[in-house]
């Protein structure tokens, strides 16, 4: 039986995390490679995202599926901002940008469907210097169901595009360089500073 798909929709504004996955293929198991990122939302947007999950669960499994989702028998892609998945598996520390006031999702794209990434123009793809973990933007997503004989049933989010809307506090790694803070303007007539 075919899986259910919500079709594309624009997410609420969110904070981008693990941004490298928008540009580079990653693998969890060393076999299947995907693009992907984590999107952190304020809790006020939880109902919007839950409605997308409920839509595809209803399309695929009907009222029975809704009851199974409520009981945790269908895996939800919506994760608590202070839950187990928000902590570093090695140190146990909460990742930067996560906490009780937020929730997050992991959105993925297949190897042959690299997400489009934009900042100022829809005609020019943004690069890793502009798009970083901590910037604020929105994603073009779709929710879809899946079934796995060993892993059970669930819902995931696919990502088609991300657009940065504004700067945010860098969550880790290298923060964007701000030339206004360090670089001075020199006139042709002035001697080079020594």
Foldseek 3Di string as FASTA:
>chain_A
DDKFKFPKDKADKWFWAPPVLLPDWDDDVVPFTWRKTKTKDFPVRVVVQVVLFVVRLCVPPNPVSVVCVVVCQAPEQKAALPDPVQADPVPRHGFFPGDRRIIMGMAIGGPVQRAFEEEDDPVDGDDPLVDAGFFMWMWIKMKIKDADPVPGIYIHIYTRYIYGYGGGDGRDDDDHDDCVVPPDDDDPPDDDDD
